[in-house]
C-alpha cells in the first residue's frame, strides 16, 4: 500500500511542476505549461494535512496557470485561476504579511486586472489594479519602516518588490496616485542605497 506523500515530498513535486510550467510558458508552450501547472495543483490538493508552504505553492500554480491561459487568450478561464489564487493569498496574508507573499498577492491581482481589461471589463480590471497598487503601497511602507529600523538590506528587498509593479501599472493608466506612489518608492530606494553605501 502506497503511503501518502510527506509535506517535503509534496513541496518538492509541486515546486518542480511549477518550475516546469513557468519554463514551458516562457518558451511559448502554453498548453504544456498548463499541464505542468495542473500537476502542481493536483499534488497540492492531494496533500492531506495543513501546510502554509503547500498552500502557497497551490496559489503560485494557479496564478501561473492563469498567466498561461491568458497567453492563449482563454481569458475567462484565466480570471477563474486568478480568483482562486487571490482567495488563497487573501487567507494567507491574514496570518503572514511577508513581502514575498504580499507581492505574489499583488501580482495575481494585477494580472486578473489585465485579463478583465482584455475581456472588455475595464472598470473591474481597473479596480483590480487599484487593489494591486494598494498592496504594493504596503510593501513600500514596509520598506520605509525597515529603513527607519536600520534593516537596510530588508528594506531594499521590499522596495525592489514594490517598484516593478508600480512601473507595470504606470504603463496601463494615467493615475496621479500611481505616479505619486512610484515617485515615493523610487526616492525611498535611492535613500536606502545611499545609506547602504555610507
C-alpha atoms as a PDB file:
ATOM      1  CA  UNK A   1       0.000   0.000   0.000  1.00  0.00           C
ATOM      2  CA  UNK A   2       1.415   3.354  -1.064  1.00  0.00           C
ATOM      3  CA  UNK A   3       1.889   5.890   1.696  1.00  0.00           C
ATOM      4  CA  UNK A   4       0.692   9.428   1.269  1.00  0.00           C
ATOM      5  CA  UNK A   5       3.434  11.865   0.239  1.00  0.00           C
ATOM      6  CA  UNK A   6       5.012  13.804   3.085  1.00  0.00           C
ATOM      7  CA  UNK A   7       4.969  17.582   3.209  1.00  0.00           C
ATOM      8  CA  UNK A   8       8.569  17.683   1.958  1.00  0.00           C
ATOM      9  CA  UNK A   9       7.776  15.343  -0.964  1.00  0.00           C
ATOM     10  CA  UNK A  10       4.660  17.357  -1.827  1.00  0.00           C
ATOM     11  CA  UNK A  11       6.629  20.604  -1.804  1.00  0.00           C
ATOM     12  CA  UNK A  12       9.382  19.112  -3.966  1.00  0.00           C
ATOM     13  CA  UNK A  13       6.895  17.743  -6.535  1.00  0.00           C
ATOM     14  CA  UNK A  14       4.857  20.950  -6.631  1.00  0.00           C
ATOM     15  CA  UNK A  15       7.920  23.199  -6.944  1.00  0.00           C
ATOM     16  CA  UNK A  16       9.286  21.047  -9.754  1.00  0.00           C
ATOM     17  CA  UNK A  17       5.986  21.121 -11.654  1.00  0.00           C
ATOM     18  CA  UNK A  18       5.624  24.889 -11.181  1.00  0.00           C
ATOM     19  CA  UNK A  19       9.193  25.412 -12.399  1.00  0.00           C
ATOM     20  CA  UNK A  20       8.442  23.243 -15.437  1.00  0.00           C
ATOM     21  CA  UNK A  21       5.249  25.189 -16.100  1.00  0.00           C
ATOM     22  CA  UNK A  22       6.986  28.555 -15.924  1.00  0.00           C
ATOM     23  CA  UNK A  23       9.812  27.350 -18.175  1.00  0.00           C
ATOM     24  CA  UNK A  24       7.402  25.902 -20.747  1.00  0.00           C
ATOM     25  CA  UNK A  25       5.284  29.061 -20.677  1.00  0.00           C
ATOM     26  CA  UNK A  26       8.334  31.261 -21.230  1.00  0.00           C
ATOM     27  CA  UNK A  27       9.073  29.189 -24.342  1.00  0.00           C
ATOM     28  CA  UNK A  28       5.556  29.764 -25.668  1.00  0.00           C
ATOM     29  CA  UNK A  29       4.466  26.177 -24.952  1.00  0.00           C
ATOM     30  CA  UNK A  30       1.410  27.311 -23.035  1.00  0.00           C
ATOM     31  CA  UNK A  31      -0.631  24.102 -23.312  1.00  0.00           C
ATOM     32  CA  UNK A  32       2.300  22.115 -21.920  1.00  0.00           C
ATOM     33  CA  UNK A  33       2.730  24.760 -19.222  1.00  0.00           C
ATOM     34  CA  UNK A  34      -0.917  24.387 -18.209  1.00  0.00           C
ATOM     35  CA  UNK A  35      -0.479  20.621 -17.987  1.00  0.00           C
ATOM     36  CA  UNK A  36       2.559  21.001 -15.699  1.00  0.00           C
ATOM     37  CA  UNK A  37       0.757  23.566 -13.539  1.00  0.00           C
ATOM     38  CA  UNK A  38      -2.330  21.338 -13.298  1.00  0.00           C
ATOM     39  CA  UNK A  39       0.007  18.628 -11.998  1.00  0.00           C
ATOM     40  CA  UNK A  40       1.263  21.034  -9.323  1.00  0.00           C
ATOM     41  CA  UNK A  41      -2.318  21.893  -8.332  1.00  0.00           C
ATOM     42  CA  UNK A  42      -3.206  18.182  -8.100  1.00  0.00           C
ATOM     43  CA  UNK A  43      -0.126  17.448  -5.982  1.00  0.00           C
ATOM     44  CA  UNK A  44      -1.093  20.233  -3.565  1.00  0.00           C
ATOM     45  CA  UNK A  45      -4.735  19.149  -3.439  1.00  0.00           C
ATOM     46  CA  UNK A  46      -3.734  15.554  -2.672  1.00  0.00           C
ATOM     47  CA  UNK A  47      -1.680  16.608   0.353  1.00  0.00           C
ATOM     48  CA  UNK A  48      -3.565  15.646   3.485  1.00  0.00           C
ATOM     49  CA  UNK A  49      -2.799  17.969   6.324  1.00  0.00           C
ATOM     50  CA  UNK A  50      -2.255  21.659   6.875  1.00  0.00           C
ATOM     51  CA  UNK A  51       0.804  23.366   5.447  1.00  0.00           C
ATOM     52  CA  UNK A  52       1.129  27.045   4.579  1.00  0.00           C
ATOM     53  CA  UNK A  53       4.043  26.136   2.277  1.00  0.00           C
ATOM     54  CA  UNK A  54       1.859  23.717   0.269  1.00  0.00           C
ATOM     55  CA  UNK A  55      -0.989  26.241   0.236  1.00  0.00           C
ATOM     56  CA  UNK A  56       1.371  28.946  -1.111  1.00  0.00           C
ATOM     57  CA  UNK A  57       2.500  26.581  -3.855  1.00  0.00           C
ATOM     58  CA  UNK A  58      -1.136  25.937  -4.776  1.00  0.00           C
ATOM     59  CA  UNK A  59      -1.661  29.696  -5.157  1.00  0.00           C
ATOM     60  CA  UNK A  60       1.548  30.028  -7.206  1.00  0.00           C
ATOM     61  CA  UNK A  61       0.463  27.188  -9.515  1.00  0.00           C
ATOM     62  CA  UNK A  62      -2.971  28.748 -10.013  1.00  0.00           C
ATOM     63  CA  UNK A  63      -1.535  32.213 -10.658  1.00  0.00           C
ATOM     64  CA  UNK A  64       0.927  30.881 -13.226  1.00  0.00           C
ATOM     65  CA  UNK A  65      -1.785  28.780 -14.848  1.00  0.00           C
ATOM     66  CA  UNK A  66      -3.832  31.970 -15.164  1.00  0.00           C
ATOM     67  CA  UNK A  67      -0.914  33.599 -16.966  1.00  0.00           C
ATOM     68  CA  UNK A  68      -0.574  30.660 -19.384  1.00  0.00           C
ATOM     69  CA  UNK A  69      -4.310  30.701 -20.080  1.00  0.00           C
ATOM     70  CA  UNK A  70      -4.122  34.451 -20.662  1.00  0.00           C
ATOM     71  CA  UNK A  71      -1.328  33.913 -23.184  1.00  0.00           C
ATOM     72  CA  UNK A  72      -3.713  31.602 -25.060  1.00  0.00           C
ATOM     73  CA  UNK A  73      -6.490  34.238 -24.912  1.00  0.00           C
ATOM     74  CA  UNK A  74      -8.518  31.945 -22.671  1.00  0.00           C
ATOM     75  CA  UNK A  75      -9.233  34.969 -20.531  1.00  0.00           C
ATOM     76  CA  UNK A  76     -12.359  33.839 -18.685  1.00  0.00           C
ATOM     77  CA  UNK A  77     -10.521  30.708 -17.523  1.00  0.00           C
ATOM     78  CA  UNK A  78      -7.532  32.853 -16.574  1.00  0.00           C
ATOM     79  CA  UNK A  79      -9.775  35.036 -14.391  1.00  0.00           C
ATOM     80  CA  UNK A  80     -11.068  31.905 -12.621  1.00  0.00           C
ATOM     81  CA  UNK A  81      -7.498  30.810 -11.851  1.00  0.00           C
ATOM     82  CA  UNK A  82      -6.554  34.267 -10.622  1.00  0.00           C
ATOM     83  CA  UNK A  83      -9.663  34.358  -8.422  1.00  0.00           C
ATOM     84  CA  UNK A  84      -8.686  31.035  -6.837  1.00  0.00           C
ATOM     85  CA  UNK A  85      -5.089  32.201  -6.302  1.00  0.00           C
ATOM     86  CA  UNK A  86      -6.220  35.565  -4.898  1.00  0.00           C
ATOM     87  CA  UNK A  87      -8.537  33.890  -2.395  1.00  0.00           C
ATOM     88  CA  UNK A  88      -5.680  31.700  -1.148  1.00  0.00           C
ATOM     89  CA  UNK A  89      -3.327  34.703  -0.888  1.00  0.00           C
ATOM     90  CA  UNK A  90      -6.013  36.703   0.917  1.00  0.00           C
ATOM     91  CA  UNK A  91      -6.276  33.984   3.577  1.00  0.00           C
ATOM     92  CA  UNK A  92      -2.512  33.552   3.898  1.00  0.00           C
ATOM     93  CA  UNK A  93      -1.844  37.290   4.200  1.00  0.00           C
ATOM     94  CA  UNK A  94      -4.163  37.411   7.221  1.00  0.00           C
ATOM     95  CA  UNK A  95      -1.542  35.312   9.049  1.00  0.00           C
ATOM     96  CA  UNK A  96       1.682  36.311   7.308  1.00  0.00           C
ATOM     97  CA  UNK A  97       2.367  39.758   5.866  1.00  0.00           C
ATOM     98  CA  UNK A  98       5.791  38.899   4.456  1.00  0.00           C
ATOM     99  CA  UNK A  99       6.899  40.942   1.467  1.00  0.00           C
ATOM    100  CA  UNK A 100       7.056  37.935  -0.855  1.00  0.00           C
ATOM    101  CA  UNK A 101       3.544  36.807  -0.036  1.00  0.00           C
ATOM    102  CA  UNK A 102       2.048  40.297  -0.343  1.00  0.00           C
ATOM    103  CA  UNK A 103       3.967  40.732  -3.605  1.00  0.00           C
ATOM    104  CA  UNK A 104       2.587  37.473  -5.054  1.00  0.00           C
ATOM    105  CA  UNK A 105      -0.929  38.504  -3.986  1.00  0.00           C
ATOM    106  CA  UNK A 106      -0.453  41.837  -5.760  1.00  0.00           C
ATOM    107  CA  UNK A 107       0.828  40.180  -8.952  1.00  0.00           C
ATOM    108  CA  UNK A 108      -2.167  37.824  -9.180  1.00  0.00           C
ATOM    109  CA  UNK A 109      -4.499  40.757  -8.542  1.00  0.00           C
ATOM    110  CA  UNK A 110      -2.798  42.871 -11.212  1.00  0.00           C
ATOM    111  CA  UNK A 111      -2.837  40.011 -13.734  1.00  0.00           C
ATOM    112  CA  UNK A 112      -6.529  39.439 -13.082  1.00  0.00           C
ATOM    113  CA  UNK A 113      -7.000  43.133 -13.861  1.00  0.00           C
ATOM    114  CA  UNK A 114      -5.247  42.759 -17.233  1.00  0.00           C
ATOM    115  CA  UNK A 115      -7.399  39.728 -18.103  1.00  0.00           C
ATOM    116  CA  UNK A 116     -10.580  41.620 -17.220  1.00  0.00           C
ATOM    117  CA  UNK A 117      -9.496  44.646 -19.259  1.00  0.00           C
ATOM    118  CA  UNK A 118      -8.787  42.381 -22.234  1.00  0.00           C
ATOM    119  CA  UNK A 119     -12.266  40.901 -21.800  1.00  0.00           C
ATOM    120  CA  UNK A 120     -13.704  44.409 -22.128  1.00  0.00           C
ATOM    121  CA  UNK A 121     -14.477  44.657 -18.409  1.00  0.00           C
ATOM    122  CA  UNK A 122     -12.332  47.754 -17.880  1.00  0.00           C
ATOM    123  CA  UNK A 123     -13.978  49.031 -14.707  1.00  0.00           C
ATOM    124  CA  UNK A 124     -13.468  45.705 -12.910  1.00  0.00           C
ATOM    125  CA  UNK A 125      -9.930  45.492 -14.273  1.00  0.00           C
ATOM    126  CA  UNK A 126      -9.020  48.944 -13.027  1.00  0.00           C
ATOM    127  CA  UNK A 127     -10.447  48.079  -9.598  1.00  0.00           C
ATOM    128  CA  UNK A 128      -8.056  45.107  -9.531  1.00  0.00           C
ATOM    129  CA  UNK A 129      -5.200  47.433 -10.463  1.00  0.00           C
ATOM    130  CA  UNK A 130      -6.183  49.767  -7.623  1.00  0.00           C
ATOM    131  CA  UNK A 131      -6.084  46.810  -5.206  1.00  0.00           C
ATOM    132  CA  UNK A 132      -2.687  45.727  -6.575  1.00  0.00           C
ATOM    133  CA  UNK A 133      -1.455  49.296  -6.120  1.00  0.00           C
ATOM    134  CA  UNK A 134      -2.711  49.313  -2.529  1.00  0.00           C
ATOM    135  CA  UNK A 135      -0.859  46.053  -1.838  1.00  0.00           C
ATOM    136  CA  UNK A 136       2.337  47.442  -3.376  1.00  0.00           C
ATOM    137  CA  UNK A 137       1.996  50.571  -1.278  1.00  0.00           C
ATOM    138  CA  UNK A 138       2.057  48.297   1.760  1.00  0.00           C
ATOM    139  CA  UNK A 139       5.402  46.931   0.529  1.00  0.00           C
ATOM    140  CA  UNK A 140       6.718  50.468   0.011  1.00  0.00           C
ATOM    141  CA  UNK A 141       5.582  51.413   3.534  1.00  0.00           C
ATOM    142  CA  UNK A 142       7.254  48.263   4.829  1.00  0.00           C
ATOM    143  CA  UNK A 143      10.468  49.343   3.114  1.00  0.00           C
ATOM    144  CA  UNK A 144      10.225  52.732   4.839  1.00  0.00           C
ATOM    145  CA  UNK A 145       9.660  51.091   8.231  1.00  0.00           C
ATOM    146  CA  UNK A 146      12.580  48.691   7.776  1.00  0.00           C
ATOM    147  CA  UNK A 147      14.773  51.596   6.708  1.00  0.00           C
ATOM    148  CA  UNK A 148      13.869  53.517   9.882  1.00  0.00           C
ATOM    149  CA  UNK A 149      14.759  50.419  11.918  1.00  0.00           C
ATOM    150  CA  UNK A 150      18.152  50.292  10.220  1.00  0.00           C
ATOM    151  CA  UNK A 151      17.362  46.983   8.474  1.00  0.00           C
ATOM    152  CA  UNK A 152      18.580  48.328   5.159  1.00  0.00           C
ATOM    153  CA  UNK A 153      19.035  45.073   3.200  1.00  0.00           C
ATOM    154  CA  UNK A 154      15.473  44.004   4.016  1.00  0.00           C
ATOM    155  CA  UNK A 155      14.246  47.490   3.164  1.00  0.00           C
ATOM    156  CA  UNK A 156      15.961  47.294  -0.222  1.00  0.00           C
ATOM    157  CA  UNK A 157      14.329  43.913  -0.957  1.00  0.00           C
ATOM    158  CA  UNK A 158      10.865  45.256  -0.076  1.00  0.00           C
ATOM    159  CA  UNK A 159      11.489  48.324  -2.221  1.00  0.00           C
ATOM    160  CA  UNK A 160      12.707  46.198  -5.130  1.00  0.00           C
ATOM    161  CA  UNK A 161       9.474  44.192  -4.970  1.00  0.00           C
ATOM    162  CA  UNK A 162       7.246  47.275  -4.987  1.00  0.00           C
ATOM    163  CA  UNK A 163       8.815  49.273  -7.824  1.00  0.00           C
ATOM    164  CA  UNK A 164       8.301  46.829 -10.757  1.00  0.00           C
ATOM    165  CA  UNK A 165       4.581  46.646 -10.007  1.00  0.00           C
ATOM    166  CA  UNK A 166       4.293  50.432  -9.937  1.00  0.00           C
ATOM    167  CA  UNK A 167       6.115  50.609 -13.279  1.00  0.00           C
ATOM    168  CA  UNK A 168       3.900  47.960 -14.884  1.00  0.00           C
ATOM    169  CA  UNK A 169       0.741  49.660 -13.665  1.00  0.00           C
ATOM    170  CA  UNK A 170       2.043  53.028 -14.872  1.00  0.00           C
ATOM    171  CA  UNK A 171       2.162  51.647 -18.418  1.00  0.00           C
ATOM    172  CA  UNK A 172      -1.567  50.959 -18.356  1.00  0.00           C
ATOM    173  CA  UNK A 173      -3.128  54.016 -16.808  1.00  0.00           C
ATOM    174  CA  UNK A 174      -2.632  57.686 -16.080  1.00  0.00           C
ATOM    175  CA  UNK A 175      -3.278  57.751 -12.366  1.00  0.00           C
ATOM    176  CA  UNK A 176      -1.939  60.609 -10.225  1.00  0.00           C
ATOM    177  CA  UNK A 177      -1.935  58.363  -7.139  1.00  0.00           C
ATOM    178  CA  UNK A 178       0.164  55.833  -9.014  1.00  0.00           C
ATOM    179  CA  UNK A 179       2.646  58.462 -10.191  1.00  0.00           C
ATOM    180  CA  UNK A 180       2.997  59.717  -6.624  1.00  0.00           C
ATOM    181  CA  UNK A 181       3.457  56.190  -5.226  1.00  0.00           C
ATOM    182  CA  UNK A 182       6.072  55.355  -7.867  1.00  0.00           C
ATOM    183  CA  UNK A 183       7.957  58.587  -7.221  1.00  0.00           C
ATOM    184  CA  UNK A 184       7.907  57.950  -3.475  1.00  0.00           C
ATOM    185  CA  UNK A 185       9.098  54.332  -3.902  1.00  0.00           C
ATOM    186  CA  UNK A 186      11.939  55.379  -6.225  1.00  0.00           C
ATOM    187  CA  UNK A 187      13.064  58.140  -3.851  1.00  0.00           C
ATOM    188  CA  UNK A 188      12.886  55.720  -0.920  1.00  0.00           C
ATOM    189  CA  UNK A 189      15.053  53.229  -2.795  1.00  0.00           C
ATOM    190  CA  UNK A 190      17.649  55.939  -3.539  1.00  0.00           C
ATOM    191  CA  UNK A 191      17.769  56.825   0.154  1.00  0.00           C
ATOM    192  CA  UNK A 192      18.231  53.174   1.155  1.00  0.00           C
ATOM    193  CA  UNK A 193      21.057  52.725  -1.377  1.00  0.00           C
ATOM    194  CA  UNK A 194      22.759  55.911  -0.145  1.00  0.00           C
ATOM    195  CA  UNK A 195      22.635  54.651   3.429  1.00  0.00           C
ATOM    196  CA  UNK A 196      23.954  51.224   2.411  1.00  0.00           C
ATOM    197  CA  UNK A 197      26.897  52.841   0.633  1.00  0.00           C
ATOM    198  CA  UNK A 198      27.870  55.066   3.534  1.00  0.00           C
END
